Amino acid sequence: MADIRSFLFVRHLRAESSSHVLLYKRGSLVKSGRGLTFWFFPMTASIAEVPVDDRELPLAVRARSSDFQDVTVQGVLTYRVIDPAALAEHVDFSIDTLRGVHLKQPLEKIALHLAQLAQQHASEWIGRTPLREVLRDGPATVRERVHAALAADEGVAQMGLGVASVRISSIAPTPDLERALEAPMRERIQQEADEAAFARRALAVEKERAIQENELQNQIELARREEQLISQRGANGKRQATEEAEAKRIATDGEASRLRTSSDAQAASIRAIDGAKVEMERERMAIQKEVPPAVLAALAARELATKLQRIDHLHLGADALGPMLTELASAGTRALEAKNQAR
């Protein structure tokens, strides 16, 4: 909005840099430009102010697809004024020379015109396209078609307007139709979720089975190793018992051998002693064999005398004393003869 101040019969206008001002006098354009400031007489001047900044126009298009389903298109159309003078010729942008406001509503007229054109081009494409394709490819396709159609429209170009951008935020069917369209996908998602849950449970069961099999294999391996341990312990005990028995047998054999050797030695010693005794006895018997009986009797008496501690009674008969004395005398005689011969 332009800033207008009054000074008696003269007024001063100051426009913003985003506004293009056109000053007409007596039906002729005398000033034109952005952000102008000038003095004018209100009785002879007519002023038009055209905004040249980018303007955003909300779009809300209701259309029906080729399969007779209603959809709603929502978006934003951005446009700008390219030729302010040409636009001022088609749309009245005159302002009040006292307050600086537009006398009519030119921006609403432009918005209505562009919205109807956008709705026309969007509805034409939607009307030739099935609903599912509209919902799938609609935003990008509608944006491209509306932008291309408005940029190529001769009426828009003659008005001095240009389309900066078209943005489509959503294309939605009616709520009931949307729920109906969502139902198969929702069911499919639910089925996939159920399948995922079943797969997860199956995987858990498989893992549990693998764990149990692993535990069973561990138990089997432990039992096998325990069996090997028991067998090894039995073999070790058997070998130990065998070695102890062998050691005892060796010790017993050694002791028996030692005892046998000792017995043999003792037997040999005894045999030697007994043999010596027998030999001595034999020699003694041989000596005694040649000794007369009376001498033997005397020797026996002497031997007996050495064994007896005391003799209480001694009885010698005539038959025994006579021969003994005779033999004793004979022995003394022989001893004397032998002694003389030796001399």
Protein backbone atom coordinates (compact mmCIF):
# COMPACT_ATOMS: atom_id res chain seq x y z
CA MET A 1 0.00 0.00 0.00
CA ALA A 2 1.35 3.40 -0.99
CA ASP A 3 1.92 6.12 1.61
CA ILE A 4 0.09 9.34 0.57
CA ARG A 5 0.30 12.64 2.46
CA SER A 6 -1.62 15.83 1.76
CA PHE A 7 -0.19 19.37 1.73
CA LEU A 8 -2.97 21.86 0.96
CA PHE A 9 -3.93 21.22 -2.65
CA VAL A 10 -0.95 18.96 -3.36
CA ARG A 11 -0.30 15.39 -2.28
CA HIS A 12 2.86 13.30 -2.03
CA LEU A 13 3.08 9.54 -2.76
CA ARG A 14 5.78 7.17 -1.60
CA ALA A 15 5.59 3.57 -2.82
CA GLU A 16 7.36 0.48 -1.50
CA SER A 17 10.10 -1.16 -3.55
CA SER A 18 7.86 -4.21 -4.08
CA SER A 19 5.17 -2.13 -5.78
CA HIS A 20 5.09 -0.84 -9.32
CA VAL A 21 3.33 2.53 -9.56
CA LEU A 22 1.73 3.94 -12.70
CA LEU A 23 0.72 7.65 -12.80
CA TYR A 24 -1.83 8.70 -15.41
CA LYS A 25 -2.74 12.28 -16.31
CA ARG A 26 -5.56 13.03 -18.68
CA GLY A 27 -5.55 9.37 -19.73
CA SER A 28 -1.84 9.24 -20.54
CA LEU A 29 0.86 7.34 -18.61
CA VAL A 30 3.37 9.88 -17.34
CA LYS A 31 5.23 7.90 -14.65
CA SER A 32 5.90 4.19 -14.27
CA GLY A 33 8.33 2.35 -12.00
CA ARG A 34 9.00 0.55 -8.73
CA GLY A 35 9.24 2.39 -5.47
CA LEU A 36 8.45 5.84 -6.94
CA THR A 37 7.94 9.02 -4.94
CA PHE A 38 6.31 12.07 -6.49
CA TRP A 39 3.97 15.00 -6.02
CA PHE A 40 0.62 15.08 -7.77
CA PHE A 41 -2.64 16.97 -7.95
CA PRO A 42 -5.50 14.65 -6.99
CA MET A 43 -7.93 16.38 -9.27
CA THR A 44 -5.95 15.57 -12.43
CA ALA A 45 -4.07 12.35 -11.50
CA SER A 46 -5.00 8.67 -11.59
CA ILE A 47 -2.66 6.21 -9.91
CA ALA A 48 -2.37 2.41 -10.17
CA GLU A 49 -0.21 0.34 -7.81
CA VAL A 50 0.71 -3.19 -8.95
CA PRO A 51 2.51 -5.53 -6.46
CA VAL A 52 5.47 -7.18 -8.21
CA ASP A 53 6.61 -9.50 -5.43
CA ASP A 54 5.90 -13.25 -5.50
CA ARG A 55 2.41 -14.16 -4.38
CA GLU A 56 1.25 -17.54 -3.10
CA LEU A 57 -2.18 -18.84 -4.02
CA PRO A 58 -3.65 -21.82 -2.12
CA LEU A 59 -5.14 -24.49 -4.38
CA ALA A 60 -8.02 -26.78 -3.45
CA VAL A 61 -9.25 -28.80 -6.41
CA ARG A 62 -12.06 -31.34 -6.30
CA ALA A 63 -12.16 -33.70 -9.27
CA ARG A 64 -13.44 -37.11 -10.30
CA SER A 65 -11.24 -39.88 -11.70
CA SER A 66 -12.00 -41.98 -14.75
CA ASP A 67 -13.50 -44.68 -12.50
CA PHE A 68 -15.88 -42.09 -10.96
CA GLN A 69 -14.16 -41.59 -7.64
CA ASP A 70 -13.89 -38.16 -6.02
CA VAL A 71 -10.45 -36.87 -5.02
CA THR A 72 -9.24 -33.63 -3.47
CA VAL A 73 -6.04 -31.92 -4.57
CA GLN A 74 -4.35 -29.48 -2.23
CA GLY A 75 -1.35 -27.35 -3.05
CA VAL A 76 0.13 -23.89 -3.46
CA LEU A 77 0.60 -21.85 -6.67
CA THR A 78 3.28 -19.14 -6.64
CA TYR A 79 3.01 -16.41 -9.29
CA ARG A 80 4.54 -13.00 -9.96
CA VAL A 81 3.79 -9.92 -12.11
CA ILE A 82 6.10 -9.74 -15.10
CA ASP A 83 4.53 -6.84 -16.99
CA PRO A 84 2.80 -4.44 -14.56
CA ALA A 85 1.53 -2.13 -17.34
CA ALA A 86 -0.09 -5.00 -19.24
CA LEU A 87 -1.63 -6.35 -16.02
CA ALA A 88 -2.94 -2.86 -15.19
CA GLU A 89 -4.67 -2.81 -18.56
CA HIS A 90 -6.52 -6.06 -17.81
CA VAL A 91 -7.10 -5.67 -14.07
CA ASP A 92 -8.00 -2.47 -12.26
CA PHE A 93 -5.22 -1.65 -9.74
CA SER A 94 -6.35 1.95 -9.16
CA ILE A 95 -5.77 3.28 -5.65
CA ASP A 96 -7.49 5.93 -3.58
CA THR A 97 -5.43 9.12 -3.95
CA LEU A 98 -6.19 10.00 -0.33
CA ARG A 99 -5.64 6.72 1.56
CA GLY A 100 -3.45 4.76 -0.91
CA VAL A 101 -5.61 1.59 -0.88
CA HIS A 102 -6.99 -0.22 -3.91
CA LEU A 103 -10.44 0.84 -4.93
CA LYS A 104 -11.33 -2.71 -5.99
CA GLN A 105 -9.90 -6.19 -5.27
CA PRO A 106 -7.51 -6.93 -8.13
CA LEU A 107 -5.48 -9.58 -6.30
CA GLU A 108 -8.61 -11.64 -5.56
CA LYS A 109 -9.57 -11.47 -9.21
CA ILE A 110 -6.13 -12.68 -10.30
CA ALA A 111 -6.22 -15.49 -7.68
CA LEU A 112 -9.62 -16.62 -8.87
CA HIS A 113 -8.52 -16.62 -12.49
CA LEU A 114 -5.34 -18.64 -11.82
CA ALA A 115 -7.15 -21.05 -9.46
CA GLN A 116 -9.79 -21.79 -12.07
CA LEU A 117 -7.14 -22.42 -14.72
CA ALA A 118 -5.18 -24.73 -12.37
CA GLN A 119 -8.36 -26.58 -11.43
CA GLN A 120 -9.27 -26.98 -15.09
CA HIS A 121 -5.93 -28.53 -16.07
CA ALA A 122 -5.78 -30.74 -12.96
CA SER A 123 -9.34 -31.97 -13.43
CA GLU A 124 -8.71 -32.80 -17.08
CA TRP A 125 -5.84 -35.13 -16.22
CA ILE A 126 -7.59 -36.66 -13.21
CA GLY A 127 -10.74 -37.28 -15.28
CA ARG A 128 -8.75 -39.39 -17.76
CA THR A 129 -6.85 -41.38 -15.11
CA PRO A 130 -7.94 -44.25 -12.80
CA LEU A 131 -8.01 -43.59 -9.11
CA ARG A 132 -5.11 -45.81 -8.13
CA GLU A 133 -2.87 -44.20 -10.73
CA VAL A 134 -3.98 -40.75 -9.56
CA LEU A 135 -3.08 -41.60 -5.97
CA ARG A 136 0.20 -43.18 -7.00
CA ASP A 137 1.49 -40.66 -9.58
CA GLY A 138 -0.84 -37.73 -8.95
CA PRO A 139 1.26 -35.17 -7.04
CA ALA A 140 4.17 -35.11 -9.45
CA THR A 141 2.02 -35.36 -12.57
CA VAL A 142 -0.49 -32.70 -11.50
CA ARG A 143 2.31 -30.35 -10.54
CA GLU A 144 4.06 -30.74 -13.88
CA ARG A 145 0.85 -30.47 -15.95
CA VAL A 146 -0.52 -27.42 -14.11
CA HIS A 147 2.81 -25.60 -14.25
CA ALA A 148 3.31 -26.37 -17.94
CA ALA A 149 -0.28 -25.44 -18.81
CA LEU A 150 -0.19 -22.08 -17.00
CA ALA A 151 3.23 -21.23 -18.42
CA ALA A 152 1.97 -21.92 -21.92
CA ASP A 153 -1.39 -20.20 -21.47
CA GLU A 154 -1.63 -17.14 -23.78
CA GLY A 155 -4.16 -15.36 -21.58
CA VAL A 156 -1.83 -15.53 -18.56
CA ALA A 157 1.04 -14.26 -20.67
CA GLN A 158 -1.04 -11.39 -22.09
CA MET A 159 -2.03 -10.34 -18.58
CA GLY A 160 1.66 -10.00 -17.76
CA LEU A 161 1.65 -12.82 -15.18
CA GLY A 162 4.19 -15.60 -14.73
CA VAL A 163 4.00 -18.84 -12.73
CA ALA A 164 7.01 -19.26 -10.45
CA SER A 165 6.17 -22.73 -9.03
CA VAL A 166 3.39 -25.20 -8.33
CA ARG A 167 3.49 -27.38 -5.22
CA ILE A 168 1.01 -30.22 -4.66
CA SER A 169 0.93 -31.27 -1.03
CA SER A 170 -1.63 -34.08 -1.26
CA ILE A 171 -4.18 -35.90 -3.38
CA ALA A 172 -6.71 -37.69 -1.19
CA PRO A 173 -9.93 -39.61 -1.89
CA THR A 174 -13.03 -39.43 0.28
CA PRO A 175 -12.68 -40.86 3.83
CA ASP A 176 -14.82 -43.94 3.07
CA LEU A 177 -12.93 -44.64 -0.13
CA GLU A 178 -9.63 -44.07 1.60
CA ARG A 179 -10.53 -46.63 4.28
CA ALA A 180 -11.63 -49.06 1.58
CA LEU A 181 -8.36 -48.58 -0.30
CA GLU A 182 -6.37 -48.93 2.89
CA ALA A 183 -8.12 -52.17 3.90
CA PRO A 184 -6.27 -54.53 1.48
CA MET A 185 -2.94 -52.96 2.30
CA ARG A 186 -3.76 -53.02 5.99
CA GLU A 187 -4.68 -56.68 5.69
CA ARG A 188 -1.52 -57.37 3.74
CA ILE A 189 0.54 -55.56 6.35
CA GLN A 190 -1.24 -57.52 9.07
CA GLN A 191 -0.57 -60.75 7.19
CA GLU A 192 3.07 -59.79 6.83
CA ALA A 193 3.16 -58.95 10.52
CA ASP A 194 1.57 -62.33 11.33
CA GLU A 195 4.01 -64.08 9.02
CA ALA A 196 6.85 -62.20 10.66
CA ALA A 197 5.52 -63.23 14.08
CA PHE A 198 5.17 -66.85 12.91
CA ALA A 199 8.64 -66.73 11.39
CA ARG A 200 10.00 -65.27 14.61
CA ARG A 201 8.28 -67.99 16.65
CA ALA A 202 9.51 -70.65 14.22
CA LEU A 203 12.99 -69.23 14.45
CA ALA A 204 12.73 -69.21 18.23
CA VAL A 205 11.54 -72.84 18.19
CA GLU A 206 14.35 -73.74 15.79
CA LYS A 207 16.88 -72.02 18.00
CA GLU A 208 15.43 -73.74 21.07
CA ARG A 209 15.64 -77.08 19.27
CA ALA A 210 19.21 -76.31 18.27
CA ILE A 211 20.00 -75.40 21.87
CA GLN A 212 18.42 -78.62 23.14
CA GLU A 213 20.28 -80.65 20.51
CA ASN A 214 23.47 -78.91 21.50
CA GLU A 215 22.80 -79.68 25.17
CA LEU A 216 22.00 -83.30 24.25
CA GLN A 217 25.21 -83.55 22.22
CA ASN A 218 27.09 -82.07 25.17
CA GLN A 219 25.51 -84.63 27.50
CA ILE A 220 26.34 -87.44 25.06
CA GLU A 221 29.90 -86.18 24.80
CA LEU A 222 30.14 -85.90 28.59
CA ALA A 223 28.75 -89.44 28.97
CA ARG A 224 31.22 -90.72 26.37
CA ARG A 225 34.08 -89.00 28.13
CA GLU A 226 32.81 -90.30 31.48
CA GLU A 227 32.72 -93.79 29.98
CA GLN A 228 36.26 -93.31 28.73
CA LEU A 229 37.24 -92.03 32.17
CA ILE A 230 35.65 -95.03 33.91
CA SER A 231 37.26 -97.39 31.41
CA GLN A 232 40.60 -95.67 31.85
CA ARG A 233 40.24 -95.78 35.62
CA GLY A 234 39.36 -99.51 35.41
CA ALA A 235 42.33 -100.12 33.16
CA ASN A 236 44.53 -98.11 35.50
CA GLY A 237 43.20 -100.04 38.53
CA LYS A 238 43.62 -103.35 36.71
CA ARG A 239 47.12 -102.42 35.64
CA GLN A 240 47.87 -101.22 39.18
CA ALA A 241 46.49 -104.48 40.66
CA THR A 242 48.43 -106.49 38.08
CA GLU A 243 51.59 -104.57 38.82
CA GLU A 244 51.05 -104.90 42.57
CA ALA A 245 50.36 -108.65 42.15
CA GLU A 246 53.43 -108.95 39.94
CA ALA A 247 55.45 -107.02 42.50
CA LYS A 248 54.14 -109.26 45.27
CA ARG A 249 54.81 -112.32 43.14
CA ILE A 250 58.33 -111.10 42.46
CA ALA A 251 58.77 -110.34 46.15
CA THR A 252 57.33 -113.74 47.07
CA ASP A 253 59.52 -115.46 44.49
CA GLY A 254 62.49 -113.56 45.83
CA GLU A 255 61.62 -114.43 49.38
CA ALA A 256 60.99 -118.05 48.38
CA SER A 257 64.24 -118.10 46.48
CA ARG A 258 65.99 -116.53 49.43
CA LEU A 259 64.38 -119.03 51.80
CA ARG A 260 65.14 -121.86 49.39
CA THR A 261 68.73 -120.71 49.13
CA SER A 262 68.89 -120.34 52.89
CA SER A 263 67.29 -123.75 53.32
CA ASP A 264 69.63 -125.26 50.79
CA ALA A 265 72.54 -123.66 52.56
CA GLN A 266 71.28 -124.84 55.94
CA ALA A 267 70.58 -128.29 54.50
CA ALA A 268 74.02 -128.37 52.94
CA SER A 269 75.51 -127.22 56.22
CA ILE A 270 73.50 -129.76 58.11
CA ARG A 271 74.45 -132.46 55.60
CA ALA A 272 78.07 -131.43 55.88
CA ILE A 273 77.90 -131.43 59.68
CA ASP A 274 75.95 -134.66 59.77
CA GLY A 275 78.30 -136.13 57.21
CA ALA A 276 81.24 -135.08 59.31
CA LYS A 277 79.55 -136.51 62.38
CA VAL A 278 78.71 -139.70 60.51
CA GLU A 279 82.28 -139.88 59.21
CA MET A 280 83.64 -139.26 62.68
CA GLU A 281 81.26 -141.81 64.09
CA ARG A 282 82.23 -144.22 61.34
CA GLU A 283 85.90 -143.68 62.09
CA ARG A 284 85.18 -143.94 65.75
CA MET A 285 83.27 -147.13 65.12
CA ALA A 286 86.07 -148.39 62.97
CA ILE A 287 88.50 -147.64 65.75
CA GLN A 288 86.23 -149.20 68.30
CA LYS A 289 85.79 -152.21 66.05
CA GLU A 290 89.37 -153.25 66.68
CA VAL A 291 89.28 -152.43 70.42
CA PRO A 292 88.61 -155.39 72.69
CA PRO A 293 85.24 -155.48 74.46
CA ALA A 294 86.85 -155.01 77.82
CA VAL A 295 88.45 -151.77 76.70
CA LEU A 296 85.19 -150.60 75.29
CA ALA A 297 83.55 -151.38 78.56
CA ALA A 298 86.21 -149.43 80.39
CA LEU A 299 85.81 -146.48 78.05
CA ALA A 300 82.09 -146.66 78.46
CA ALA A 301 82.48 -146.62 82.15
CA ARG A 302 84.73 -143.61 81.97
CA GLU A 303 82.31 -141.82 79.68
CA LEU A 304 79.55 -142.65 82.05
CA ALA A 305 81.57 -141.37 84.93
CA THR A 306 81.91 -137.99 83.23
CA LYS A 307 78.16 -137.74 82.76
CA LEU A 308 77.23 -138.68 86.30
CA GLN A 309 77.28 -136.04 89.02
CA ARG A 310 77.26 -138.49 91.94
CA ILE A 311 77.35 -142.26 92.41
CA ASP A 312 75.51 -143.48 95.41
CA HIS A 313 76.00 -147.22 94.88
CA LEU A 314 78.31 -149.20 92.58
CA HIS A 315 78.05 -152.94 92.30
CA LEU A 316 80.61 -154.89 90.34
CA GLY A 317 80.19 -158.59 89.93
CA ALA A 318 82.98 -161.13 89.66
CA ASP A 319 82.14 -161.78 86.09
CA ALA A 320 82.59 -158.18 85.18
CA LEU A 321 85.56 -157.18 87.35
CA GLY A 322 87.86 -159.99 86.41
CA PRO A 323 87.96 -159.52 82.69
CA MET A 324 88.24 -155.80 83.15
CA LEU A 325 91.29 -156.06 85.33
CA THR A 326 92.85 -158.57 82.99
CA GLU A 327 92.31 -156.38 80.02
CA LEU A 328 93.58 -153.37 81.93
CA ALA A 329 96.76 -155.17 82.76
CA SER A 330 97.20 -156.27 79.19
CA ALA A 331 96.73 -152.76 77.96
CA GLY A 332 99.31 -151.42 80.34
CA THR A 333 101.76 -154.06 79.21
CA ARG A 334 101.27 -153.19 75.57
CA ALA A 335 101.71 -149.56 76.29
CA LEU A 336 105.02 -150.18 78.00
CA GLU A 337 106.23 -152.34 75.14
CA ALA A 338 105.38 -149.72 72.64
CA LYS A 339 107.22 -147.13 74.60
CA ASN A 340 110.31 -149.23 74.82
CA GLN A 341 110.30 -149.90 71.15
CA ALA A 342 110.12 -146.25 70.47
CA ARG A 343 113.22 -145.65 72.38
